[in-house]
């Protein structure tokens, strides 16, 4: 559990120093998740049409 805490503290320090890069990475991940959810909804609509 100690290495996890060390990793988390290092991550927080990195975010503090490179907050713009960290925010960009988080925003990109959230955007990709949102895209995958909307694509999943589109796929379900297509399946519902043919089913």
PDB file of N, CA and C in Angstrom:
ATOM      1  N   UNK A   1       0.835  -1.204   0.000  1.00  0.00           N
ATOM      2  CA  UNK A   1       0.000   0.000   0.000  1.00  0.00           C
ATOM      3  C   UNK A   1       0.871   1.256   0.000  1.00  0.00           C
ATOM      4  N   UNK A   2       2.107   1.121   0.472  1.00  0.00           N
ATOM      5  CA  UNK A   2       2.989   2.276   0.577  1.00  0.00           C
ATOM      6  C   UNK A   2       3.370   2.814  -0.804  1.00  0.00           C
ATOM      7  N   UNK A   3       3.652   1.898  -1.754  1.00  0.00           N
ATOM      8  CA  UNK A   3       4.031   2.352  -3.102  1.00  0.00           C
ATOM      9  C   UNK A   3       2.884   3.101  -3.758  1.00  0.00           C
ATOM     10  N   UNK A   4       1.642   2.693  -3.457  1.00  0.00           N
ATOM     11  CA  UNK A   4       0.470   3.356  -4.030  1.00  0.00           C
ATOM     12  C   UNK A   4       0.384   4.794  -3.517  1.00  0.00           C
ATOM     13  N   UNK A   5       0.658   4.960  -2.215  1.00  0.00           N
ATOM     14  CA  UNK A   5       0.632   6.295  -1.626  1.00  0.00           C
ATOM     15  C   UNK A   5       1.731   7.159  -2.232  1.00  0.00           C
ATOM     16  N   UNK A   6       2.913   6.582  -2.406  1.00  0.00           N
ATOM     17  CA  UNK A   6       4.025   7.320  -3.000  1.00  0.00           C
ATOM     18  C   UNK A   6       3.692   7.728  -4.436  1.00  0.00           C
ATOM     19  N   UNK A   7       3.088   6.806  -5.181  1.00  0.00           N
ATOM     20  CA  UNK A   7       2.683   7.106  -6.556  1.00  0.00           C
ATOM     21  C   UNK A   7       1.656   8.235  -6.585  1.00  0.00           C
ATOM     22  N   UNK A   8       0.693   8.192  -5.652  1.00  0.00           N
ATOM     23  CA  UNK A   8      -0.359   9.208  -5.599  1.00  0.00           C
ATOM     24  C   UNK A   8       0.233  10.582  -5.280  1.00  0.00           C
ATOM     25  N   UNK A   9       1.166  10.621  -4.305  1.00  0.00           N
ATOM     26  CA  UNK A   9       1.798  11.895  -3.961  1.00  0.00           C
ATOM     27  C   UNK A   9       2.612  12.435  -5.130  1.00  0.00           C
ATOM     28  N   UNK A  10       3.306  11.554  -5.840  1.00  0.00           N
ATOM     29  CA  UNK A  10       4.070  11.974  -7.007  1.00  0.00           C
ATOM     30  C   UNK A  10       3.142  12.494  -8.098  1.00  0.00           C
ATOM     31  N   UNK A  11       1.984  11.834  -8.249  1.00  0.00           N
ATOM     32  CA  UNK A  11       0.992  12.271  -9.235  1.00  0.00           C
ATOM     33  C   UNK A  11       0.451  13.654  -8.882  1.00  0.00           C
ATOM     34  N   UNK A  12       0.144  13.849  -7.592  1.00  0.00           N
ATOM     35  CA  UNK A  12      -0.356  15.155  -7.161  1.00  0.00           C
ATOM     36  C   UNK A  12       0.694  16.243  -7.368  1.00  0.00           C
ATOM     37  N   UNK A  13       1.963  15.938  -7.089  1.00  0.00           N
ATOM     38  CA  UNK A  13       3.034  16.905  -7.300  1.00  0.00           C
ATOM     39  C   UNK A  13       3.155  17.230  -8.788  1.00  0.00           C
ATOM     40  N   UNK A  14       3.053  16.189  -9.629  1.00  0.00           N
ATOM     41  CA  UNK A  14       3.122  16.395 -11.073  1.00  0.00           C
ATOM     42  C   UNK A  14       1.970  17.278 -11.536  1.00  0.00           C
ATOM     43  N   UNK A  15       0.778  17.033 -10.982  1.00  0.00           N
ATOM     44  CA  UNK A  15      -0.384  17.846 -11.348  1.00  0.00           C
ATOM     45  C   UNK A  15      -0.179  19.302 -10.938  1.00  0.00           C
ATOM     46  N   UNK A  16       0.435  19.505  -9.767  1.00  0.00           N
ATOM     47  CA  UNK A  16       0.664  20.865  -9.293  1.00  0.00           C
ATOM     48  C   UNK A  16       1.647  21.586 -10.206  1.00  0.00           C
ATOM     49  N   UNK A  17       2.694  20.871 -10.639  1.00  0.00           N
ATOM     50  CA  UNK A  17       3.720  21.487 -11.472  1.00  0.00           C
ATOM     51  C   UNK A  17       3.241  21.611 -12.921  1.00  0.00           C
ATOM     52  N   UNK A  18       2.657  20.516 -13.434  1.00  0.00           N
ATOM     53  CA  UNK A  18       2.225  20.483 -14.836  1.00  0.00           C
ATOM     54  C   UNK A  18       0.703  20.369 -14.897  1.00  0.00           C
ATOM     55  N   UNK A  19       0.013  21.296 -14.221  1.00  0.00           N
ATOM     56  CA  UNK A  19      -1.443  21.196 -14.105  1.00  0.00           C
ATOM     57  C   UNK A  19      -2.130  21.274 -15.458  1.00  0.00           C
ATOM     58  N   UNK A  20      -1.564  22.046 -16.401  1.00  0.00           N
ATOM     59  CA  UNK A  20      -2.213  22.183 -17.708  1.00  0.00           C
ATOM     60  C   UNK A  20      -2.182  20.861 -18.468  1.00  0.00           C
ATOM     61  N   UNK A  21      -1.020  20.186 -18.431  1.00  0.00           N
ATOM     62  CA  UNK A  21      -0.888  18.897 -19.110  1.00  0.00           C
ATOM     63  C   UNK A  21      -1.800  17.865 -18.443  1.00  0.00           C
ATOM     64  N   UNK A  22      -1.808  17.854 -17.110  1.00  0.00           N
ATOM     65  CA  UNK A  22      -2.647  16.898 -16.378  1.00  0.00           C
ATOM     66  C   UNK A  22      -4.126  17.135 -16.676  1.00  0.00           C
ATOM     67  N   UNK A  23      -4.547  18.399 -16.709  1.00  0.00           N
ATOM     68  CA  UNK A  23      -5.940  18.715 -17.016  1.00  0.00           C
ATOM     69  C   UNK A  23      -6.285  18.308 -18.444  1.00  0.00           C
ATOM     70  N   UNK A  24      -5.342  18.500 -19.367  1.00  0.00           N
ATOM     71  CA  UNK A  24      -5.574  18.102 -20.752  1.00  0.00           C
ATOM     72  C   UNK A  24      -5.743  16.592 -20.871  1.00  0.00           C
ATOM     73  N   UNK A  25      -4.906  15.839 -20.135  1.00  0.00           N
ATOM     74  CA  UNK A  25      -5.003  14.378 -20.167  1.00  0.00           C
ATOM     75  C   UNK A  25      -6.349  13.927 -19.607  1.00  0.00           C
ATOM     76  N   UNK A  26      -6.765  14.503 -18.474  1.00  0.00           N
ATOM     77  CA  UNK A  26      -8.046  14.132 -17.863  1.00  0.00           C
ATOM     78  C   UNK A  26      -9.200  14.482 -18.798  1.00  0.00           C
ATOM     79  N   UNK A  27      -9.140  15.669 -19.417  1.00  0.00           N
ATOM     80  CA  UNK A  27     -10.200  16.073 -20.335  1.00  0.00           C
ATOM     81  C   UNK A  27     -10.265  15.140 -21.537  1.00  0.00           C
ATOM     82  N   UNK A  28      -9.104  14.728 -22.050  1.00  0.00           N
ATOM     83  CA  UNK A  28      -9.072  13.804 -23.184  1.00  0.00           C
ATOM     84  C   UNK A  28      -9.680  12.463 -22.812  1.00  0.00           C
ATOM     85  N   UNK A  29      -9.351  11.947 -21.620  1.00  0.00           N
ATOM     86  CA  UNK A  29      -9.908  10.664 -21.175  1.00  0.00           C
ATOM     87  C   UNK A  29     -11.420  10.768 -21.017  1.00  0.00           C
ATOM     88  N   UNK A  30     -11.895  11.860 -20.413  1.00  0.00           N
ATOM     89  CA  UNK A  30     -13.337  12.040 -20.246  1.00  0.00           C
ATOM     90  C   UNK A  30     -14.031  12.154 -21.597  1.00  0.00           C
ATOM     91  N   UNK A  31     -13.410  12.856 -22.551  1.00  0.00           N
ATOM     92  CA  UNK A  31     -13.987  12.994 -23.886  1.00  0.00           C
ATOM     93  C   UNK A  31     -14.071  11.643 -24.584  1.00  0.00           C
ATOM     94  N   UNK A  32     -13.007  10.829 -24.465  1.00  0.00           N
ATOM     95  CA  UNK A  32     -13.015   9.496 -25.070  1.00  0.00           C
ATOM     96  C   UNK A  32     -14.088   8.617 -24.438  1.00  0.00           C
ATOM     97  N   UNK A  33     -14.247   8.699 -23.114  1.00  0.00           N
ATOM     98  CA  UNK A  33     -15.303   7.935 -22.446  1.00  0.00           C
ATOM     99  C   UNK A  33     -16.678   8.370 -22.941  1.00  0.00           C
ATOM    100  N   UNK A  34     -16.879   9.686 -23.073  1.00  0.00           N
ATOM    101  CA  UNK A  34     -18.160  10.208 -23.550  1.00  0.00           C
ATOM    102  C   UNK A  34     -18.424   9.756 -24.981  1.00  0.00           C
ATOM    103  N   UNK A  35     -17.380   9.770 -25.823  1.00  0.00           N
ATOM    104  CA  UNK A  35     -17.511   9.299 -27.196  1.00  0.00           C
ATOM    105  C   UNK A  35     -17.880   7.824 -27.227  1.00  0.00           C
ATOM    106  N   UNK A  36     -17.235   7.011 -26.386  1.00  0.00           N
ATOM    107  CA  UNK A  36     -17.526   5.578 -26.375  1.00  0.00           C
ATOM    108  C   UNK A  36     -18.958   5.328 -25.905  1.00  0.00           C
ATOM    109  N   UNK A  37     -19.433   6.121 -24.939  1.00  0.00           N
ATOM    110  CA  UNK A  37     -20.812   5.959 -24.458  1.00  0.00           C
ATOM    111  C   UNK A  37     -21.797   6.340 -25.559  1.00  0.00           C
ATOM    112  N   UNK A  38     -21.546   7.445 -26.264  1.00  0.00           N
ATOM    113  CA  UNK A  38     -22.456   7.861 -27.329  1.00  0.00           C
ATOM    114  C   UNK A  38     -22.407   6.878 -28.496  1.00  0.00           C
ATOM    115  N   UNK A  39     -21.212   6.320 -28.794  1.00  0.00           N
ATOM    116  CA  UNK A  39     -21.113   5.301 -29.834  1.00  0.00           C
ATOM    117  C   UNK A  39     -21.856   4.041 -29.424  1.00  0.00           C
ATOM    118  N   UNK A  40     -21.801   3.707 -28.126  1.00  0.00           N
ATOM    119  CA  UNK A  40     -22.527   2.546 -27.620  1.00  0.00           C
ATOM    120  C   UNK A  40     -24.031   2.762 -27.778  1.00  0.00           C
ATOM    121  N   UNK A  41     -24.511   3.963 -27.481  1.00  0.00           N
ATOM    122  CA  UNK A  41     -25.927   4.279 -27.663  1.00  0.00           C
ATOM    123  C   UNK A  41     -26.332   4.188 -29.119  1.00  0.00           C
ATOM    124  N   UNK A  42     -25.470   4.670 -30.013  1.00  0.00           N
ATOM    125  CA  UNK A  42     -25.743   4.583 -31.448  1.00  0.00           C
ATOM    126  C   UNK A  42     -25.801   3.133 -31.897  1.00  0.00           C
ATOM    127  N   UNK A  43     -24.870   2.326 -31.397  1.00  0.00           N
ATOM    128  CA  UNK A  43     -24.839   0.902 -31.728  1.00  0.00           C
ATOM    129  C   UNK A  43     -26.109   0.208 -31.242  1.00  0.00           C
ATOM    130  N   UNK A  44     -26.560   0.538 -30.040  1.00  0.00           N
ATOM    131  CA  UNK A  44     -27.796  -0.048 -29.514  1.00  0.00           C
ATOM    132  C   UNK A  44     -28.996   0.372 -30.344  1.00  0.00           C
ATOM    133  N   UNK A  45     -29.016   1.613 -30.827  1.00  0.00           N
ATOM    134  CA  UNK A  45     -30.097   2.064 -31.702  1.00  0.00           C
ATOM    135  C   UNK A  45     -30.119   1.269 -32.991  1.00  0.00           C
ATOM    136  N   UNK A  46     -28.942   1.034 -33.573  1.00  0.00           N
ATOM    137  CA  UNK A  46     -28.852   0.265 -34.813  1.00  0.00           C
ATOM    138  C   UNK A  46     -29.327  -1.169 -34.584  1.00  0.00           C
ATOM    139  N   UNK A  47     -28.907  -1.762 -33.468  1.00  0.00           N
ATOM    140  CA  UNK A  47     -29.337  -3.129 -33.137  1.00  0.00           C
ATOM    141  C   UNK A  47     -30.848  -3.171 -32.934  1.00  0.00           C
ATOM    142  N   UNK A  48     -31.408  -2.151 -32.281  1.00  0.00           N
ATOM    143  CA  UNK A  48     -32.848  -2.109 -32.037  1.00  0.00           C
ATOM    144  C   UNK A  48     -33.623  -1.988 -33.348  1.00  0.00           C
ATOM    145  N   UNK A  49     -33.057  -1.275 -34.325  1.00  0.00           N
ATOM    146  CA  UNK A  49     -33.718  -1.129 -35.624  1.00  0.00           C
ATOM    147  C   UNK A  49     -33.788  -2.474 -36.333  1.00  0.00           C
ATOM    148  N   UNK A  50     -32.680  -3.230 -36.313  1.00  0.00           N
ATOM    149  CA  UNK A  50     -32.628  -4.503 -37.036  1.00  0.00           C
ATOM    150  C   UNK A  50     -33.238  -5.654 -36.246  1.00  0.00           C
ATOM    151  N   UNK A  51     -33.363  -5.520 -34.947  1.00  0.00           N
ATOM    152  CA  UNK A  51     -33.884  -6.624 -34.128  1.00  0.00           C
ATOM    153  C   UNK A  51     -35.401  -6.716 -34.240  1.00  0.00           C
TER     154      UNK A  51
END
